Amino acid sequence: QVQLEESGGGLVQAGDSLRLSCAASGFTFNNYCMAWFRQTPGKEREFVGGISTSGVMTVYADSVKGRFTISRDNAKKTLYLQMNSLKPEDAAAYHCAKARAPWSTVKRGRNDYDYWGQGTQVAVSS
């Protein structure tokens, strides 16, 4: 079955960096776009960024553009999120997600993704 497992979260200071990983199994990883979402208590899960199957195309939310970088290693079936210049408002549970279908383009909607990891917590102190 499809499994997504995030790791790499933690507590950092504002301005620091973190690298999140998402290990995937149970599906043909290189056939699907992948994405990162984040969620804080009481708020809807929001799109952070996504990446195409080959990694050539990446899409980011305006709030993280220029600071975050998504990448993938199809041989390792792993998705990454490099987060630089972290801000207190970046604190959230970060979830990786698999696209619902083998689309060629990255989509931003929550409903465009059908499997989610449990999340890894990122905390940023000011």
Protein backbone atom coordinates (compact mmCIF):
# COMPACT_ATOMS: atom_id res chain seq x y z
CA GLN A 1 0.00 0.00 0.00
CA VAL A 2 1.03 3.61 -0.43
CA GLN A 3 3.11 4.96 2.41
CA LEU A 4 4.65 8.37 2.88
CA GLU A 5 6.86 9.07 5.87
CA GLU A 6 8.28 12.49 6.63
CA SER A 7 11.32 13.25 8.73
CA GLY A 8 13.65 16.13 9.51
CA GLY A 9 11.46 18.48 11.48
CA GLY A 10 12.55 20.16 14.67
CA LEU A 11 12.97 23.38 16.60
CA VAL A 12 15.15 26.04 15.04
CA GLN A 13 15.73 29.77 15.40
CA ALA A 14 14.52 32.33 12.92
CA GLY A 15 16.93 32.53 10.02
CA ASP A 16 18.05 28.92 10.33
CA SER A 17 17.61 26.13 7.81
CA LEU A 18 16.02 22.70 7.85
CA ARG A 19 15.76 19.90 5.32
CA LEU A 20 12.71 17.71 5.36
CA SER A 21 12.55 14.30 3.72
CA CYS A 22 9.65 12.14 2.64
CA ALA A 23 10.26 8.46 1.98
CA ALA A 24 7.71 6.95 -0.39
CA SER A 25 6.72 3.34 -1.00
CA GLY A 26 3.89 1.31 -2.45
CA PHE A 27 3.57 3.10 -5.79
CA THR A 28 5.66 4.00 -8.82
CA PHE A 29 7.20 7.14 -7.35
CA ASN A 30 8.57 8.58 -10.59
CA ASN A 31 5.13 8.52 -12.23
CA TYR A 32 3.59 11.07 -9.87
CA CYS A 33 3.99 14.70 -9.03
CA MET A 34 4.57 15.25 -5.34
CA ALA A 35 3.95 18.17 -3.04
CA TRP A 36 4.48 19.58 0.40
CA PHE A 37 1.67 21.09 2.42
CA ARG A 38 1.68 22.56 5.90
CA GLN A 39 -0.91 22.99 8.59
CA THR A 40 -1.25 24.81 11.88
CA PRO A 41 -4.00 24.18 14.45
CA GLY A 42 -7.31 25.69 13.42
CA LYS A 43 -6.23 26.41 9.87
CA GLU A 44 -6.65 24.59 6.60
CA ARG A 45 -3.77 22.65 5.15
CA GLU A 46 -1.99 24.95 2.72
CA PHE A 47 0.10 24.26 -0.34
CA VAL A 48 3.81 24.93 0.12
CA GLY A 49 5.20 23.65 -3.14
CA GLY A 50 5.14 20.84 -5.65
CA ILE A 51 7.41 19.10 -8.11
CA SER A 52 6.89 17.32 -11.38
CA THR A 53 7.77 13.70 -11.98
CA SER A 54 11.22 14.45 -13.38
CA GLY A 55 11.88 17.34 -11.04
CA VAL A 56 12.19 19.83 -13.86
CA MET A 57 9.08 21.77 -12.86
CA THR A 58 8.62 23.20 -9.38
CA VAL A 59 5.84 25.42 -8.10
CA TYR A 60 5.83 27.34 -4.83
CA ALA A 61 3.48 29.31 -2.67
CA ASP A 62 4.32 33.02 -2.71
CA SER A 63 5.04 32.91 1.02
CA VAL A 64 8.00 30.55 0.58
CA LYS A 65 9.25 31.41 -2.90
CA GLY A 66 12.96 32.16 -2.86
CA ARG A 67 13.47 30.52 0.55
CA PHE A 68 12.27 26.94 0.06
CA THR A 69 13.41 24.42 -2.54
CA ILE A 70 11.72 21.17 -3.43
CA SER A 71 13.65 18.31 -4.97
CA ARG A 72 13.28 14.61 -5.47
CA ASP A 73 15.46 11.56 -5.92
CA ASN A 74 13.48 9.07 -7.96
CA ALA A 75 16.06 6.34 -7.47
CA LYS A 76 15.67 6.65 -3.71
CA LYS A 77 11.92 7.32 -3.90
CA THR A 78 12.41 10.33 -1.68
CA LEU A 79 11.04 13.86 -1.74
CA TYR A 80 12.87 16.75 -0.08
CA LEU A 81 12.08 20.24 1.12
CA GLN A 82 15.03 22.52 1.81
CA MET A 83 13.87 25.40 3.98
CA ASN A 84 16.16 28.40 4.38
CA SER A 85 15.72 31.71 6.19
CA LEU A 86 12.97 30.25 8.32
CA LYS A 87 10.48 32.60 9.92
CA PRO A 88 8.22 32.08 12.94
CA GLU A 89 5.24 32.00 10.57
CA ASP A 90 6.72 28.91 8.87
CA ALA A 91 6.08 26.88 12.02
CA ALA A 92 3.63 24.10 11.19
CA ALA A 93 3.22 20.39 10.64
CA TYR A 94 4.61 19.65 7.18
CA HIS A 95 3.05 16.88 5.13
CA CYS A 96 4.15 15.36 1.86
CA ALA A 97 1.51 14.26 -0.58
CA LYS A 98 1.17 12.14 -3.71
CA ALA A 99 -0.78 13.44 -6.71
CA ARG A 100 -4.10 11.75 -7.31
CA ALA A 101 -3.23 10.85 -10.92
CA PRO A 102 -0.08 10.75 -13.09
CA TRP A 103 -0.49 14.32 -14.31
CA SER A 104 2.30 16.06 -16.14
CA THR A 105 1.82 19.35 -14.28
CA VAL A 106 1.93 20.28 -10.61
CA LYS A 107 -1.39 21.12 -9.03
CA ARG A 108 -1.95 23.24 -5.92
CA GLY A 109 -5.24 21.98 -4.55
CA ARG A 110 -5.57 19.69 -1.53
CA ASN A 111 -8.08 17.58 -3.44
CA ASP A 112 -5.51 16.95 -6.17
CA TYR A 113 -3.58 14.72 -3.77
CA ASP A 114 -4.79 11.39 -2.47
CA TYR A 115 -2.16 10.11 -0.04
CA TRP A 116 -0.55 12.02 2.78
CA GLY A 117 2.17 11.42 5.30
CA GLN A 118 1.60 11.83 9.03
CA GLY A 119 3.61 15.02 9.07
CA THR A 120 6.76 16.32 10.69
CA GLN A 121 6.64 19.28 13.04
CA VAL A 122 8.64 22.42 12.42
CA ALA A 123 8.93 25.03 15.16
CA VAL A 124 10.70 28.36 14.68
CA SER A 125 11.62 30.59 17.58
CA SER A 126 12.03 34.32 17.09
